[in-house]
Amino acid sequence: MSKNTPHVSKNSGENEWYTPAEYLDAARRVMGKIDLDPASSSIANSVVLATNYYTKEQDGLKQEWYGRVWLNPPYGAGLIKPFAIKLVNSLFNGNVTEAIVLVNNATETGWFKTLYGASSAVCFPTKRIRFWRVDGDTNSPLQGQALIYFGQRAHIFIEEFRKIGLIYVKH
C-alpha cells in the first residue's frame, strides 16, 4: 500500500458490521421512519426497522431507491463509492426524499466529497461507534465515522445528533 493511499483503504473489508440501535433511533426521530435500507440483511433490519430493505443477493445498486433512506454501505474497498453515487442520484431525481448515511469520516476520498456535496448537515461522533455482530461481539473500525444528513429537516437532525457528536451545517 503506497503512502498516498487513504487510511480508510487499510480497513479489513469486513462488511457485516451492524449499526447500534441508538443511532437508528436518532435517525427515525429525524425522518419519522425508514422506508428503505438498500444495503442490509434480515439481521440488520431487526434493528434498522426499515419498511423495505435490499440484501447483498438483491444488490441494492441494481434496485430503485425511494423515500426516507438509511444507508450504512458496505465498507469494503470499492463498494462505498457506487452506493454514494446511487444515493446522490436518487436524491437529485426526487426518488429519495430524505436520507442519513453512516460512513467512515474519510474526508479525503472522492466518495465522501460526493456525499458531503449533496448533504445538509454532518455529525462527527465524539467516540468511535461500536458496531455489533450476530455472535454478540462488538468492534470499532480503525477510524471515526460521520453521519451525513440529506433533506429539509436539518434542524431536527442537529437537535438529535448533537447528543452524539460535533455537528457541521452547510450554508
N, C-alpha and C. Protein backbone atom coordinates (compact mmCIF):
# COMPACT_ATOMS: atom_id res chain seq x y z
N MET A 1 0.85 -1.17 0.00
CA MET A 1 0.00 0.00 0.00
C MET A 1 0.90 1.24 0.00
N SER A 2 0.66 2.16 -0.90
CA SER A 2 1.50 3.34 -1.02
C SER A 2 1.21 4.34 0.09
N LYS A 3 2.14 5.27 0.27
CA LYS A 3 1.95 6.31 1.28
C LYS A 3 0.75 7.19 0.95
N ASN A 4 0.40 7.30 -0.31
CA ASN A 4 -0.69 8.17 -0.73
C ASN A 4 -2.06 7.50 -0.67
N THR A 5 -2.12 6.25 -0.26
CA THR A 5 -3.38 5.54 -0.16
C THR A 5 -4.14 6.04 1.07
N PRO A 6 -5.44 6.40 0.92
CA PRO A 6 -6.21 6.87 2.07
C PRO A 6 -6.22 5.83 3.19
N HIS A 7 -6.18 6.30 4.42
CA HIS A 7 -6.20 5.44 5.61
C HIS A 7 -7.39 4.48 5.57
N VAL A 8 -8.54 4.94 5.08
CA VAL A 8 -9.74 4.11 5.06
C VAL A 8 -9.53 2.83 4.25
N SER A 9 -8.64 2.86 3.27
CA SER A 9 -8.44 1.68 2.44
C SER A 9 -7.70 0.57 3.19
N LYS A 10 -7.21 0.87 4.37
CA LYS A 10 -6.49 -0.12 5.15
C LYS A 10 -7.43 -0.92 6.06
N ASN A 11 -8.73 -0.72 5.91
CA ASN A 11 -9.66 -1.45 6.78
C ASN A 11 -9.71 -2.91 6.38
N SER A 12 -10.39 -3.70 7.19
CA SER A 12 -10.40 -5.16 6.99
C SER A 12 -11.23 -5.60 5.81
N GLY A 13 -12.11 -4.74 5.33
CA GLY A 13 -13.01 -5.13 4.25
C GLY A 13 -14.21 -5.90 4.77
N GLU A 14 -14.33 -6.04 6.06
CA GLU A 14 -15.47 -6.74 6.67
C GLU A 14 -16.72 -5.89 6.46
N ASN A 15 -17.74 -6.50 5.84
CA ASN A 15 -18.95 -5.76 5.51
C ASN A 15 -20.14 -6.05 6.41
N GLU A 16 -20.01 -6.97 7.32
CA GLU A 16 -21.14 -7.32 8.19
C GLU A 16 -20.98 -6.68 9.56
N TRP A 17 -21.01 -5.36 9.58
CA TRP A 17 -20.96 -4.58 10.80
C TRP A 17 -22.33 -3.91 10.94
N TYR A 18 -23.03 -4.19 12.01
CA TYR A 18 -24.40 -3.70 12.18
C TYR A 18 -24.42 -2.47 13.10
N THR A 19 -25.24 -1.52 12.74
CA THR A 19 -25.33 -0.26 13.45
C THR A 19 -26.04 -0.42 14.79
N PRO A 20 -25.49 0.13 15.86
CA PRO A 20 -26.16 0.09 17.16
C PRO A 20 -27.48 0.86 17.15
N ALA A 21 -28.42 0.40 17.95
CA ALA A 21 -29.78 0.94 17.98
C ALA A 21 -29.84 2.44 18.26
N GLU A 22 -28.96 2.97 19.09
CA GLU A 22 -29.05 4.39 19.46
C GLU A 22 -28.97 5.31 18.23
N TYR A 23 -28.17 4.94 17.24
CA TYR A 23 -28.03 5.76 16.05
C TYR A 23 -29.26 5.63 15.15
N LEU A 24 -29.80 4.45 15.09
CA LEU A 24 -31.01 4.22 14.29
C LEU A 24 -32.23 4.86 14.94
N ASP A 25 -32.30 4.82 16.26
CA ASP A 25 -33.40 5.51 16.96
C ASP A 25 -33.35 7.00 16.65
N ALA A 26 -32.16 7.59 16.68
CA ALA A 26 -32.00 9.01 16.36
C ALA A 26 -32.40 9.29 14.91
N ALA A 27 -32.01 8.40 14.00
CA ALA A 27 -32.37 8.57 12.58
C ALA A 27 -33.89 8.54 12.40
N ARG A 28 -34.56 7.63 13.09
CA ARG A 28 -36.03 7.57 12.99
C ARG A 28 -36.68 8.81 13.59
N ARG A 29 -36.09 9.36 14.65
CA ARG A 29 -36.66 10.59 15.22
C ARG A 29 -36.52 11.75 14.24
N VAL A 30 -35.48 11.76 13.44
CA VAL A 30 -35.28 12.80 12.44
C VAL A 30 -36.24 12.62 11.27
N MET A 31 -36.27 11.41 10.70
CA MET A 31 -37.01 11.18 9.45
C MET A 31 -38.43 10.67 9.66
N GLY A 32 -38.79 10.32 10.89
CA GLY A 32 -40.12 9.78 11.14
C GLY A 32 -40.13 8.26 11.08
N LYS A 33 -39.58 7.73 10.01
CA LYS A 33 -39.41 6.30 9.83
C LYS A 33 -38.39 6.08 8.72
N ILE A 34 -38.02 4.85 8.54
CA ILE A 34 -37.08 4.49 7.47
C ILE A 34 -37.84 3.65 6.46
N ASP A 35 -37.96 4.18 5.25
CA ASP A 35 -38.66 3.46 4.19
C ASP A 35 -37.79 2.39 3.56
N LEU A 36 -36.48 2.67 3.44
CA LEU A 36 -35.61 1.76 2.71
C LEU A 36 -34.20 1.75 3.29
N ASP A 37 -33.65 0.56 3.43
CA ASP A 37 -32.23 0.36 3.71
C ASP A 37 -31.70 -0.45 2.53
N PRO A 38 -30.97 0.18 1.61
CA PRO A 38 -30.54 -0.51 0.39
C PRO A 38 -29.32 -1.40 0.52
N ALA A 39 -28.73 -1.48 1.71
CA ALA A 39 -27.55 -2.33 1.91
C ALA A 39 -27.70 -3.03 3.26
N SER A 40 -28.56 -4.04 3.28
CA SER A 40 -28.96 -4.60 4.57
C SER A 40 -29.06 -6.12 4.54
N SER A 41 -29.69 -6.62 5.59
CA SER A 41 -29.97 -8.05 5.74
C SER A 41 -31.11 -8.17 6.74
N SER A 42 -31.67 -9.35 6.85
CA SER A 42 -32.75 -9.54 7.82
C SER A 42 -32.23 -9.31 9.24
N ILE A 43 -30.99 -9.66 9.50
CA ILE A 43 -30.40 -9.45 10.83
C ILE A 43 -30.28 -7.96 11.11
N ALA A 44 -29.70 -7.22 10.20
CA ALA A 44 -29.56 -5.77 10.39
C ALA A 44 -30.91 -5.10 10.52
N ASN A 45 -31.87 -5.55 9.72
CA ASN A 45 -33.18 -4.91 9.75
C ASN A 45 -33.95 -5.16 11.04
N SER A 46 -33.50 -6.11 11.84
CA SER A 46 -34.14 -6.32 13.15
C SER A 46 -33.93 -5.10 14.05
N VAL A 47 -32.94 -4.27 13.73
CA VAL A 47 -32.69 -3.03 14.47
C VAL A 47 -33.01 -1.80 13.62
N VAL A 48 -32.71 -1.86 12.32
CA VAL A 48 -32.99 -0.73 11.43
C VAL A 48 -34.51 -0.48 11.34
N LEU A 49 -35.28 -1.55 11.24
CA LEU A 49 -36.74 -1.48 11.16
C LEU A 49 -37.22 -0.72 9.93
N ALA A 50 -36.51 -0.89 8.81
CA ALA A 50 -36.94 -0.28 7.55
C ALA A 50 -38.16 -1.02 7.01
N THR A 51 -39.04 -0.28 6.39
CA THR A 51 -40.21 -0.90 5.76
C THR A 51 -39.76 -1.91 4.70
N ASN A 52 -38.74 -1.54 3.94
CA ASN A 52 -38.16 -2.42 2.92
C ASN A 52 -36.64 -2.33 2.99
N TYR A 53 -35.99 -3.41 2.58
CA TYR A 53 -34.52 -3.41 2.52
C TYR A 53 -34.08 -4.35 1.42
N TYR A 54 -32.87 -4.07 0.92
CA TYR A 54 -32.26 -4.91 -0.10
C TYR A 54 -31.06 -5.63 0.52
N THR A 55 -30.96 -6.90 0.21
CA THR A 55 -29.85 -7.73 0.70
C THR A 55 -28.71 -7.72 -0.32
N LYS A 56 -27.61 -8.29 0.08
CA LYS A 56 -26.47 -8.43 -0.83
C LYS A 56 -26.89 -9.19 -2.09
N GLU A 57 -27.70 -10.23 -1.91
CA GLU A 57 -28.15 -11.04 -3.04
C GLU A 57 -29.06 -10.24 -3.98
N GLN A 58 -29.83 -9.32 -3.45
CA GLN A 58 -30.71 -8.48 -4.28
C GLN A 58 -29.95 -7.35 -4.94
N ASP A 59 -28.76 -7.04 -4.45
CA ASP A 59 -27.89 -5.99 -4.97
C ASP A 59 -28.63 -4.65 -5.04
N GLY A 60 -28.60 -3.94 -3.93
CA GLY A 60 -29.25 -2.65 -3.82
C GLY A 60 -28.84 -1.65 -4.89
N LEU A 61 -27.67 -1.81 -5.46
CA LEU A 61 -27.24 -0.89 -6.51
C LEU A 61 -28.04 -1.08 -7.80
N LYS A 62 -28.67 -2.23 -7.96
CA LYS A 62 -29.48 -2.51 -9.17
C LYS A 62 -30.96 -2.23 -8.95
N GLN A 63 -31.33 -1.83 -7.73
CA GLN A 63 -32.72 -1.60 -7.38
C GLN A 63 -33.03 -0.11 -7.35
N GLU A 64 -34.31 0.22 -7.38
CA GLU A 64 -34.72 1.62 -7.24
C GLU A 64 -34.72 2.01 -5.77
N TRP A 65 -34.22 3.20 -5.48
CA TRP A 65 -34.23 3.73 -4.11
C TRP A 65 -35.31 4.79 -4.02
N TYR A 66 -35.94 4.89 -2.86
CA TYR A 66 -37.07 5.80 -2.71
C TYR A 66 -37.30 6.16 -1.25
N GLY A 67 -38.05 7.25 -1.05
CA GLY A 67 -38.49 7.64 0.28
C GLY A 67 -37.37 8.06 1.20
N ARG A 68 -37.53 7.69 2.47
CA ARG A 68 -36.56 8.02 3.52
C ARG A 68 -35.60 6.84 3.67
N VAL A 69 -34.33 7.12 3.42
CA VAL A 69 -33.33 6.06 3.33
C VAL A 69 -32.34 6.12 4.49
N TRP A 70 -32.07 4.97 5.06
CA TRP A 70 -30.94 4.78 5.97
C TRP A 70 -29.90 4.00 5.18
N LEU A 71 -28.65 4.45 5.19
CA LEU A 71 -27.60 3.74 4.46
C LEU A 71 -26.34 3.63 5.29
N ASN A 72 -25.97 2.42 5.61
CA ASN A 72 -24.66 2.07 6.16
C ASN A 72 -24.07 1.15 5.10
N PRO A 73 -23.37 1.74 4.11
CA PRO A 73 -22.93 0.95 2.96
C PRO A 73 -21.85 -0.05 3.32
N PRO A 74 -21.63 -1.03 2.44
CA PRO A 74 -20.52 -1.96 2.66
C PRO A 74 -19.21 -1.18 2.71
N TYR A 75 -18.36 -1.51 3.67
CA TYR A 75 -17.11 -0.77 3.87
C TYR A 75 -15.96 -1.32 3.05
N GLY A 76 -16.14 -2.41 2.34
CA GLY A 76 -15.07 -2.98 1.55
C GLY A 76 -14.61 -2.01 0.47
N ALA A 77 -13.32 -2.09 0.15
CA ALA A 77 -12.74 -1.20 -0.86
C ALA A 77 -13.53 -1.28 -2.16
N GLY A 78 -13.85 -0.14 -2.71
CA GLY A 78 -14.56 -0.08 -3.98
C GLY A 78 -16.06 -0.18 -3.88
N LEU A 79 -16.60 -0.42 -2.70
CA LEU A 79 -18.05 -0.58 -2.58
C LEU A 79 -18.76 0.68 -2.10
N ILE A 80 -18.09 1.52 -1.34
CA ILE A 80 -18.77 2.71 -0.82
C ILE A 80 -19.08 3.69 -1.96
N LYS A 81 -18.15 3.89 -2.86
CA LYS A 81 -18.33 4.88 -3.93
C LYS A 81 -19.61 4.66 -4.75
N PRO A 82 -19.90 3.45 -5.25
CA PRO A 82 -21.13 3.30 -6.03
C PRO A 82 -22.39 3.53 -5.19
N PHE A 83 -22.35 3.20 -3.90
CA PHE A 83 -23.51 3.47 -3.04
C PHE A 83 -23.69 4.98 -2.85
N ALA A 84 -22.58 5.71 -2.70
CA ALA A 84 -22.65 7.17 -2.55
C ALA A 84 -23.24 7.80 -3.81
N ILE A 85 -22.78 7.37 -4.95
CA ILE A 85 -23.27 7.92 -6.22
C ILE A 85 -24.75 7.60 -6.40
N LYS A 86 -25.14 6.37 -6.11
CA LYS A 86 -26.55 5.96 -6.25
C LYS A 86 -27.44 6.81 -5.34
N LEU A 87 -27.01 7.05 -4.11
CA LEU A 87 -27.82 7.87 -3.20
C LEU A 87 -27.98 9.28 -3.74
N VAL A 88 -26.88 9.91 -4.12
CA VAL A 88 -26.95 11.29 -4.60
C VAL A 88 -27.81 11.38 -5.85
N ASN A 89 -27.67 10.44 -6.77
CA ASN A 89 -28.52 10.45 -7.96
C ASN A 89 -30.00 10.28 -7.59
N SER A 90 -30.28 9.42 -6.62
CA SER A 90 -31.67 9.19 -6.20
C SER A 90 -32.25 10.41 -5.49
N LEU A 91 -31.43 11.17 -4.81
CA LEU A 91 -31.87 12.43 -4.20
C LEU A 91 -32.18 13.45 -5.29
N PHE A 92 -31.25 13.58 -6.24
CA PHE A 92 -31.43 14.59 -7.29
C PHE A 92 -32.60 14.30 -8.21
N ASN A 93 -32.92 13.01 -8.42
CA ASN A 93 -34.07 12.72 -9.29
C ASN A 93 -35.39 12.71 -8.51
N GLY A 94 -35.33 12.94 -7.20
CA GLY A 94 -36.53 13.06 -6.38
C GLY A 94 -37.08 11.77 -5.82
N ASN A 95 -36.47 10.64 -6.15
CA ASN A 95 -36.97 9.36 -5.62
C ASN A 95 -36.72 9.25 -4.11
N VAL A 96 -35.55 9.70 -3.67
CA VAL A 96 -35.23 9.71 -2.24
C VAL A 96 -35.53 11.12 -1.73
N THR A 97 -36.34 11.20 -0.68
CA THR A 97 -36.75 12.49 -0.14
C THR A 97 -35.91 12.93 1.04
N GLU A 98 -35.31 11.97 1.71
CA GLU A 98 -34.52 12.26 2.90
C GLU A 98 -33.62 11.05 3.15
N ALA A 99 -32.43 11.29 3.71
CA ALA A 99 -31.53 10.16 3.97
C ALA A 99 -30.54 10.50 5.07
N ILE A 100 -30.09 9.45 5.74
CA ILE A 100 -28.97 9.53 6.66
C ILE A 100 -28.02 8.40 6.30
N VAL A 101 -26.75 8.77 6.12
CA VAL A 101 -25.72 7.81 5.74
C VAL A 101 -24.68 7.74 6.85
N LEU A 102 -24.28 6.53 7.19
CA LEU A 102 -23.22 6.30 8.17
C LEU A 102 -22.02 5.73 7.44
N VAL A 103 -20.92 6.49 7.45
CA VAL A 103 -19.69 6.07 6.77
C VAL A 103 -18.47 6.45 7.61
N ASN A 104 -17.32 5.92 7.22
CA ASN A 104 -16.08 6.39 7.82
C ASN A 104 -15.90 7.87 7.49
N ASN A 105 -15.24 8.60 8.37
CA ASN A 105 -15.04 10.03 8.12
C ASN A 105 -13.81 10.27 7.24
N ALA A 106 -13.80 9.61 6.13
CA ALA A 106 -12.69 9.68 5.18
C ALA A 106 -12.85 10.89 4.28
N THR A 107 -12.65 12.06 4.86
CA THR A 107 -12.91 13.31 4.16
C THR A 107 -12.01 13.53 2.95
N GLU A 108 -10.94 12.75 2.83
CA GLU A 108 -10.02 12.90 1.70
C GLU A 108 -10.45 12.11 0.46
N THR A 109 -11.49 11.31 0.59
CA THR A 109 -11.90 10.45 -0.53
C THR A 109 -12.93 11.13 -1.43
N GLY A 110 -12.96 10.71 -2.68
CA GLY A 110 -13.94 11.25 -3.62
C GLY A 110 -15.36 10.94 -3.21
N TRP A 111 -15.61 9.72 -2.72
CA TRP A 111 -16.98 9.35 -2.34
C TRP A 111 -17.48 10.18 -1.17
N PHE A 112 -16.60 10.52 -0.22
CA PHE A 112 -17.03 11.37 0.90
C PHE A 112 -17.39 12.76 0.38
N LYS A 113 -16.57 13.27 -0.53
CA LYS A 113 -16.84 14.59 -1.11
C LYS A 113 -18.15 14.58 -1.89
N THR A 114 -18.45 13.47 -2.56
CA THR A 114 -19.72 13.35 -3.28
C THR A 114 -20.89 13.44 -2.31
N LEU A 115 -20.81 12.69 -1.22
CA LEU A 115 -21.88 12.71 -0.21
C LEU A 115 -21.98 14.09 0.43
N TYR A 116 -20.86 14.63 0.86
CA TYR A 116 -20.85 15.92 1.52
C TYR A 116 -21.43 17.01 0.62
N GLY A 117 -21.10 16.96 -0.66
CA GLY A 117 -21.57 17.97 -1.60
C GLY A 117 -23.08 18.06 -1.71
N ALA A 118 -23.77 16.95 -1.48
CA ALA A 118 -25.24 16.93 -1.58
C ALA A 118 -25.93 17.03 -0.22
N SER A 119 -25.16 17.06 0.84
CA SER A 119 -25.73 16.97 2.19
C SER A 119 -26.24 18.30 2.73
N SER A 120 -27.01 18.20 3.81
CA SER A 120 -27.49 19.37 4.53
C SER A 120 -26.72 19.59 5.82
N ALA A 121 -26.28 18.49 6.46
CA ALA A 121 -25.56 18.57 7.73
C ALA A 121 -24.79 17.27 7.95
N VAL A 122 -23.77 17.35 8.79
CA VAL A 122 -22.94 16.19 9.10
C VAL A 122 -22.70 16.15 10.61
N CYS A 123 -22.72 14.93 11.16
CA CYS A 123 -22.36 14.71 12.55
C CYS A 123 -21.10 13.85 12.59
N PHE A 124 -20.09 14.34 13.31
CA PHE A 124 -18.88 13.57 13.55
C PHE A 124 -18.95 13.10 15.01
N PRO A 125 -19.29 11.82 15.24
CA PRO A 125 -19.42 11.32 16.61
C PRO A 125 -18.15 11.58 17.43
N THR A 126 -18.34 11.90 18.71
CA THR A 126 -17.21 12.19 19.58
C THR A 126 -16.55 10.92 20.10
N LYS A 127 -17.13 9.76 19.78
CA LYS A 127 -16.49 8.50 20.11
C LYS A 127 -16.70 7.54 18.94
N ARG A 128 -15.83 6.56 18.84
CA ARG A 128 -15.97 5.57 17.78
C ARG A 128 -17.22 4.74 18.01
N ILE A 129 -17.92 4.45 16.95
CA ILE A 129 -19.12 3.63 17.03
C ILE A 129 -18.70 2.17 17.19
N ARG A 130 -19.33 1.50 18.14
CA ARG A 130 -19.07 0.07 18.37
C ARG A 130 -20.16 -0.72 17.65
N PHE A 131 -19.84 -1.15 16.44
CA PHE A 131 -20.77 -1.93 15.64
C PHE A 131 -20.92 -3.32 16.26
N TRP A 132 -22.05 -3.96 16.02
CA TRP A 132 -22.30 -5.29 16.59
C TRP A 132 -22.34 -6.33 15.49
N ARG A 133 -22.13 -7.55 15.92
CA ARG A 133 -22.15 -8.70 15.02
C ARG A 133 -23.17 -9.71 15.54
N VAL A 134 -23.55 -10.62 14.71
CA VAL A 134 -24.53 -11.65 15.07
C VAL A 134 -24.09 -12.45 16.29
N ASP A 135 -22.79 -12.71 16.40
CA ASP A 135 -22.28 -13.52 17.51
C ASP A 135 -22.24 -12.75 18.84
N GLY A 136 -22.70 -11.50 18.84
CA GLY A 136 -22.74 -10.71 20.06
C GLY A 136 -21.50 -9.87 20.27
N ASP A 137 -20.47 -10.09 19.47
CA ASP A 137 -19.25 -9.32 19.58
C ASP A 137 -19.48 -7.90 19.07
N THR A 138 -18.71 -6.95 19.55
CA THR A 138 -18.75 -5.59 19.04
C THR A 138 -17.34 -5.20 18.63
N ASN A 139 -17.24 -4.24 17.72
CA ASN A 139 -15.95 -3.81 17.24
C ASN A 139 -16.07 -2.41 16.67
N SER A 140 -14.98 -1.67 16.73
CA SER A 140 -14.92 -0.33 16.15
C SER A 140 -13.93 -0.34 14.99
N PRO A 141 -14.24 0.40 13.93
CA PRO A 141 -13.30 0.50 12.81
C PRO A 141 -12.03 1.24 13.21
N LEU A 142 -11.07 1.27 12.29
CA LEU A 142 -9.79 1.92 12.54
C LEU A 142 -9.91 3.43 12.69
N GLN A 143 -10.95 4.01 12.13
CA GLN A 143 -11.09 5.46 12.19
C GLN A 143 -12.50 5.82 12.63
N GLY A 144 -12.71 7.11 12.85
CA GLY A 144 -14.02 7.58 13.25
C GLY A 144 -15.02 7.56 12.12
N GLN A 145 -16.25 7.91 12.44
CA GLN A 145 -17.33 7.86 11.46
C GLN A 145 -17.96 9.24 11.27
N ALA A 146 -18.83 9.32 10.29
CA ALA A 146 -19.64 10.51 10.05
C ALA A 146 -21.06 10.04 9.75
N LEU A 147 -22.02 10.76 10.26
CA LEU A 147 -23.43 10.54 9.92
C LEU A 147 -23.84 11.75 9.10
N ILE A 148 -24.21 11.52 7.87
CA ILE A 148 -24.46 12.59 6.92
C ILE A 148 -25.95 12.65 6.62
N TYR A 149 -26.52 13.85 6.76
CA TYR A 149 -27.97 14.04 6.57
C TYR A 149 -28.24 14.76 5.25
N PHE A 150 -29.29 14.29 4.59
CA PHE A 150 -29.77 14.88 3.33
C PHE A 150 -31.26 15.14 3.50
N GLY A 151 -31.69 16.36 3.32
CA GLY A 151 -33.10 16.64 3.42
C GLY A 151 -33.38 18.04 3.93
N GLN A 152 -34.66 18.29 4.17
CA GLN A 152 -35.13 19.61 4.56
C GLN A 152 -35.25 19.81 6.06
N ARG A 153 -34.98 18.78 6.83
CA ARG A 153 -35.15 18.90 8.29
C ARG A 153 -33.82 18.86 9.04
N ALA A 154 -32.87 19.64 8.55
CA ALA A 154 -31.55 19.67 9.19
C ALA A 154 -31.67 20.11 10.64
N HIS A 155 -32.63 20.99 10.94
CA HIS A 155 -32.79 21.45 12.33
C HIS A 155 -33.12 20.30 13.28
N ILE A 156 -33.88 19.32 12.81
CA ILE A 156 -34.20 18.15 13.65
C ILE A 156 -32.97 17.25 13.76
N PHE A 157 -32.26 17.08 12.65
CA PHE A 157 -31.02 16.30 12.67
C PHE A 157 -30.04 16.91 13.69
N ILE A 158 -29.90 18.22 13.66
CA ILE A 158 -28.99 18.90 14.59
C ILE A 158 -29.38 18.62 16.03
N GLU A 159 -30.66 18.75 16.35
CA GLU A 159 -31.12 18.51 17.72
C GLU A 159 -30.85 17.09 18.17
N GLU A 160 -31.12 16.12 17.32
CA GLU A 160 -30.94 14.71 17.68
C GLU A 160 -29.47 14.29 17.73
N PHE A 161 -28.71 14.71 16.75
CA PHE A 161 -27.35 14.20 16.61
C PHE A 161 -26.30 15.01 17.37
N ARG A 162 -26.66 16.19 17.88
CA ARG A 162 -25.68 16.94 18.69
C ARG A 162 -25.39 16.20 19.99
N LYS A 163 -26.28 15.28 20.38
CA LYS A 163 -26.06 14.45 21.56
C LYS A 163 -24.98 13.40 21.29
N ILE A 164 -24.73 13.14 20.01
CA ILE A 164 -23.80 12.09 19.58
C ILE A 164 -22.43 12.65 19.22
N GLY A 165 -22.41 13.87 18.69
CA GLY A 165 -21.13 14.39 18.25
C GLY A 165 -21.16 15.82 17.79
N LEU A 166 -20.09 16.19 17.11
CA LEU A 166 -19.93 17.53 16.59
C LEU A 166 -20.73 17.68 15.31
N ILE A 167 -21.45 18.77 15.18
CA ILE A 167 -22.32 18.99 14.02
C ILE A 167 -21.72 20.07 13.12
N TYR A 168 -21.76 19.79 11.84
CA TYR A 168 -21.40 20.79 10.85
C TYR A 168 -22.59 20.97 9.94
N VAL A 169 -23.05 22.22 9.82
CA VAL A 169 -24.21 22.52 8.99
C VAL A 169 -23.74 23.29 7.76
N LYS A 170 -24.17 22.85 6.61
CA LYS A 170 -23.81 23.53 5.37
C LYS A 170 -24.70 24.75 5.19
N HIS A 171 -24.11 25.81 4.70
CA HIS A 171 -24.88 27.04 4.45
C HIS A 171 -24.96 27.30 2.97
